[in-house]
Amino acid sequence: MSLQEQLDVAVKKSKELTKRPSNDTLLQLYSFYKQATQGDVSGKRPGMFDMVKRAKYDAWGKLKGTDKDSAAQKYIDLIDKLHSQE
């Protein structure tokens, strides 16, 4: 199975989690997915009054320079870990 196929399966598995992950874990998942699918963060950083979008932007920005395959693998590994803890 290709890495892209594994990522697609992991995305489906993420929707099947019975327990909601912590906000920090959700930010990790978001940033790994965005880095894997779009590459480095782009656009203007959201203002301080839009805390959710700003947190997502900052989490994604921390992965700047990480290659797409590494980010995809980290997403897959984190989903697998979350599933094993249920």
N, C-alpha and C. Protein backbone atom coordinates (compact mmCIF):
# COMPACT_ATOMS: atom_id res chain seq x y z
N MET A 1 0.85 -1.17 0.00
CA MET A 1 0.00 0.00 0.00
C MET A 1 0.91 1.25 0.00
N SER A 2 0.58 2.19 -0.85
CA SER A 2 1.37 3.42 -0.94
C SER A 2 1.14 4.29 0.31
N LEU A 3 2.04 5.22 0.50
CA LEU A 3 1.92 6.13 1.65
C LEU A 3 0.63 6.94 1.55
N GLN A 4 0.26 7.36 0.35
CA GLN A 4 -0.98 8.13 0.17
C GLN A 4 -2.19 7.28 0.54
N GLU A 5 -2.18 6.01 0.15
CA GLU A 5 -3.28 5.11 0.50
C GLU A 5 -3.34 4.91 2.02
N GLN A 6 -2.17 4.78 2.65
CA GLN A 6 -2.13 4.64 4.11
C GLN A 6 -2.67 5.90 4.79
N LEU A 7 -2.33 7.06 4.23
CA LEU A 7 -2.84 8.31 4.79
C LEU A 7 -4.36 8.37 4.65
N ASP A 8 -4.87 7.97 3.51
CA ASP A 8 -6.32 7.97 3.30
C ASP A 8 -7.02 7.05 4.30
N VAL A 9 -6.44 5.89 4.57
CA VAL A 9 -7.01 4.96 5.55
C VAL A 9 -6.97 5.58 6.94
N ALA A 10 -5.85 6.24 7.26
CA ALA A 10 -5.71 6.87 8.58
C ALA A 10 -6.74 7.98 8.77
N VAL A 11 -7.02 8.73 7.72
CA VAL A 11 -8.03 9.79 7.80
C VAL A 11 -9.40 9.17 8.11
N LYS A 12 -9.71 8.06 7.45
CA LYS A 12 -10.98 7.37 7.73
C LYS A 12 -11.00 6.87 9.17
N LYS A 13 -9.88 6.32 9.63
CA LYS A 13 -9.80 5.82 11.00
C LYS A 13 -9.95 6.94 12.01
N SER A 14 -9.49 8.14 11.65
CA SER A 14 -9.59 9.27 12.59
C SER A 14 -11.04 9.62 12.87
N LYS A 15 -11.90 9.37 11.90
CA LYS A 15 -13.32 9.68 12.06
C LYS A 15 -14.05 8.61 12.85
N GLU A 16 -13.37 7.48 13.09
CA GLU A 16 -13.97 6.37 13.82
C GLU A 16 -13.54 6.32 15.29
N LEU A 17 -12.71 7.27 15.71
CA LEU A 17 -12.27 7.28 17.10
C LEU A 17 -13.48 7.45 18.02
N THR A 18 -13.53 6.65 19.08
CA THR A 18 -14.66 6.74 20.00
C THR A 18 -14.42 7.79 21.07
N LYS A 19 -13.16 8.05 21.40
CA LYS A 19 -12.82 9.08 22.38
C LYS A 19 -12.23 10.28 21.65
N ARG A 20 -12.69 11.47 22.03
CA ARG A 20 -12.16 12.69 21.42
C ARG A 20 -10.76 12.93 21.96
N PRO A 21 -9.78 13.08 21.06
CA PRO A 21 -8.41 13.38 21.52
C PRO A 21 -8.33 14.76 22.16
N SER A 22 -7.27 14.99 22.90
CA SER A 22 -7.06 16.29 23.52
C SER A 22 -6.86 17.36 22.44
N ASN A 23 -7.01 18.60 22.83
CA ASN A 23 -6.82 19.70 21.88
C ASN A 23 -5.40 19.70 21.30
N ASP A 24 -4.41 19.39 22.14
CA ASP A 24 -3.02 19.33 21.66
C ASP A 24 -2.85 18.24 20.61
N THR A 25 -3.47 17.10 20.84
CA THR A 25 -3.39 16.01 19.88
C THR A 25 -4.11 16.37 18.60
N LEU A 26 -5.26 17.02 18.72
CA LEU A 26 -5.99 17.45 17.53
C LEU A 26 -5.16 18.44 16.71
N LEU A 27 -4.45 19.34 17.38
CA LEU A 27 -3.58 20.27 16.67
C LEU A 27 -2.44 19.54 15.96
N GLN A 28 -1.90 18.52 16.61
CA GLN A 28 -0.86 17.71 15.98
C GLN A 28 -1.39 17.04 14.72
N LEU A 29 -2.55 16.42 14.85
CA LEU A 29 -3.14 15.75 13.69
C LEU A 29 -3.38 16.74 12.56
N TYR A 30 -3.93 17.89 12.89
CA TYR A 30 -4.19 18.92 11.88
C TYR A 30 -2.90 19.33 11.19
N SER A 31 -1.88 19.63 11.97
CA SER A 31 -0.64 20.12 11.38
C SER A 31 0.06 19.05 10.55
N PHE A 32 0.06 17.80 11.01
CA PHE A 32 0.65 16.73 10.22
C PHE A 32 -0.09 16.56 8.89
N TYR A 33 -1.42 16.60 8.96
CA TYR A 33 -2.22 16.43 7.74
C TYR A 33 -1.97 17.57 6.75
N LYS A 34 -2.00 18.80 7.25
CA LYS A 34 -1.79 19.95 6.36
C LYS A 34 -0.39 19.92 5.75
N GLN A 35 0.61 19.57 6.54
CA GLN A 35 1.98 19.50 6.03
C GLN A 35 2.09 18.39 4.99
N ALA A 36 1.42 17.27 5.23
CA ALA A 36 1.48 16.13 4.32
C ALA A 36 0.77 16.41 3.00
N THR A 37 -0.29 17.19 3.05
CA THR A 37 -1.09 17.42 1.85
C THR A 37 -0.77 18.72 1.14
N GLN A 38 -0.31 19.74 1.87
CA GLN A 38 -0.09 21.05 1.25
C GLN A 38 1.33 21.57 1.37
N GLY A 39 2.15 20.95 2.20
CA GLY A 39 3.50 21.44 2.40
C GLY A 39 3.55 22.54 3.45
N ASP A 40 4.56 23.39 3.36
CA ASP A 40 4.77 24.43 4.36
C ASP A 40 3.58 25.39 4.45
N VAL A 41 3.38 25.90 5.66
CA VAL A 41 2.31 26.85 5.92
C VAL A 41 2.43 28.06 4.99
N SER A 42 1.29 28.56 4.60
CA SER A 42 1.29 29.74 3.72
C SER A 42 0.18 30.68 4.17
N GLY A 43 0.21 31.87 3.65
CA GLY A 43 -0.82 32.85 4.00
C GLY A 43 -0.44 33.65 5.22
N LYS A 44 -1.30 34.58 5.53
CA LYS A 44 -1.07 35.48 6.65
C LYS A 44 -1.53 34.83 7.95
N ARG A 45 -0.77 35.04 9.01
CA ARG A 45 -1.12 34.50 10.32
C ARG A 45 -2.39 35.18 10.81
N PRO A 46 -3.39 34.40 11.24
CA PRO A 46 -4.64 34.99 11.74
C PRO A 46 -4.40 35.90 12.94
N GLY A 47 -5.28 36.85 13.11
CA GLY A 47 -5.17 37.80 14.21
C GLY A 47 -5.39 37.15 15.56
N MET A 48 -5.02 37.88 16.61
CA MET A 48 -5.06 37.30 17.95
C MET A 48 -6.48 37.06 18.46
N PHE A 49 -7.47 37.63 17.82
CA PHE A 49 -8.85 37.41 18.26
C PHE A 49 -9.46 36.15 17.67
N ASP A 50 -8.79 35.57 16.69
CA ASP A 50 -9.25 34.29 16.12
C ASP A 50 -8.31 33.20 16.64
N MET A 51 -8.52 32.85 17.90
CA MET A 51 -7.59 31.97 18.60
C MET A 51 -7.49 30.57 17.99
N VAL A 52 -8.59 30.03 17.51
CA VAL A 52 -8.57 28.68 16.96
C VAL A 52 -7.75 28.64 15.67
N LYS A 53 -8.04 29.54 14.76
CA LYS A 53 -7.29 29.57 13.50
C LYS A 53 -5.83 29.89 13.74
N ARG A 54 -5.57 30.76 14.70
CA ARG A 54 -4.19 31.12 15.02
C ARG A 54 -3.43 29.91 15.57
N ALA A 55 -4.07 29.14 16.45
CA ALA A 55 -3.44 27.95 17.02
C ALA A 55 -3.14 26.93 15.92
N LYS A 56 -4.08 26.75 15.00
CA LYS A 56 -3.87 25.82 13.89
C LYS A 56 -2.71 26.29 13.01
N TYR A 57 -2.69 27.57 12.69
CA TYR A 57 -1.64 28.14 11.86
C TYR A 57 -0.27 27.95 12.53
N ASP A 58 -0.20 28.24 13.83
CA ASP A 58 1.05 28.12 14.56
C ASP A 58 1.52 26.66 14.63
N ALA A 59 0.59 25.74 14.86
CA ALA A 59 0.95 24.32 14.92
C ALA A 59 1.50 23.85 13.58
N TRP A 60 0.85 24.25 12.51
CA TRP A 60 1.30 23.89 11.17
C TRP A 60 2.66 24.54 10.88
N GLY A 61 2.83 25.78 11.30
CA GLY A 61 4.07 26.51 11.07
C GLY A 61 5.28 25.86 11.73
N LYS A 62 5.06 25.17 12.85
CA LYS A 62 6.16 24.48 13.54
C LYS A 62 6.75 23.36 12.69
N LEU A 63 6.01 22.89 11.71
CA LEU A 63 6.47 21.79 10.86
C LEU A 63 7.15 22.29 9.59
N LYS A 64 7.35 23.59 9.49
CA LYS A 64 7.97 24.16 8.29
C LYS A 64 9.29 23.44 7.99
N GLY A 65 9.44 23.02 6.74
CA GLY A 65 10.64 22.31 6.32
C GLY A 65 10.53 20.80 6.41
N THR A 66 9.48 20.30 7.07
CA THR A 66 9.27 18.85 7.16
C THR A 66 8.73 18.37 5.82
N ASP A 67 9.32 17.30 5.29
CA ASP A 67 8.83 16.83 4.00
C ASP A 67 7.47 16.16 4.15
N LYS A 68 6.72 16.14 3.04
CA LYS A 68 5.34 15.65 3.05
C LYS A 68 5.25 14.19 3.50
N ASP A 69 6.19 13.35 3.06
CA ASP A 69 6.15 11.94 3.43
C ASP A 69 6.35 11.74 4.94
N SER A 70 7.25 12.50 5.53
CA SER A 70 7.48 12.39 6.98
C SER A 70 6.24 12.82 7.75
N ALA A 71 5.63 13.90 7.31
CA ALA A 71 4.41 14.38 7.98
C ALA A 71 3.28 13.37 7.85
N ALA A 72 3.15 12.78 6.67
CA ALA A 72 2.12 11.76 6.46
C ALA A 72 2.35 10.58 7.38
N GLN A 73 3.59 10.13 7.50
CA GLN A 73 3.90 8.99 8.36
C GLN A 73 3.62 9.31 9.82
N LYS A 74 3.92 10.53 10.25
CA LYS A 74 3.64 10.93 11.63
C LYS A 74 2.14 10.95 11.89
N TYR A 75 1.36 11.40 10.91
CA TYR A 75 -0.10 11.39 11.04
C TYR A 75 -0.60 9.95 11.20
N ILE A 76 -0.13 9.08 10.33
CA ILE A 76 -0.53 7.66 10.36
C ILE A 76 -0.17 7.03 11.70
N ASP A 77 1.06 7.27 12.15
CA ASP A 77 1.51 6.70 13.42
C ASP A 77 0.68 7.20 14.60
N LEU A 78 0.35 8.49 14.60
CA LEU A 78 -0.44 9.04 15.70
C LEU A 78 -1.86 8.47 15.70
N ILE A 79 -2.46 8.31 14.56
CA ILE A 79 -3.80 7.71 14.48
C ILE A 79 -3.74 6.27 14.98
N ASP A 80 -2.72 5.53 14.56
CA ASP A 80 -2.57 4.14 15.02
C ASP A 80 -2.42 4.09 16.54
N LYS A 81 -1.65 5.01 17.10
CA LYS A 81 -1.46 5.06 18.55
C LYS A 81 -2.78 5.36 19.25
N LEU A 82 -3.54 6.31 18.72
CA LEU A 82 -4.82 6.65 19.34
C LEU A 82 -5.80 5.48 19.29
N HIS A 83 -5.79 4.76 18.17
CA HIS A 83 -6.68 3.59 18.05
C HIS A 83 -6.29 2.50 19.03
N SER A 84 -4.99 2.32 19.24
CA SER A 84 -4.54 1.27 20.15
C SER A 84 -4.86 1.59 21.61
N GLN A 85 -5.05 2.87 21.93
CA GLN A 85 -5.36 3.28 23.30
C GLN A 85 -6.84 3.19 23.62
N GLU A 86 -7.66 2.92 22.64
CA GLU A 86 -9.11 2.85 22.90
C GLU A 86 -9.50 1.53 23.48
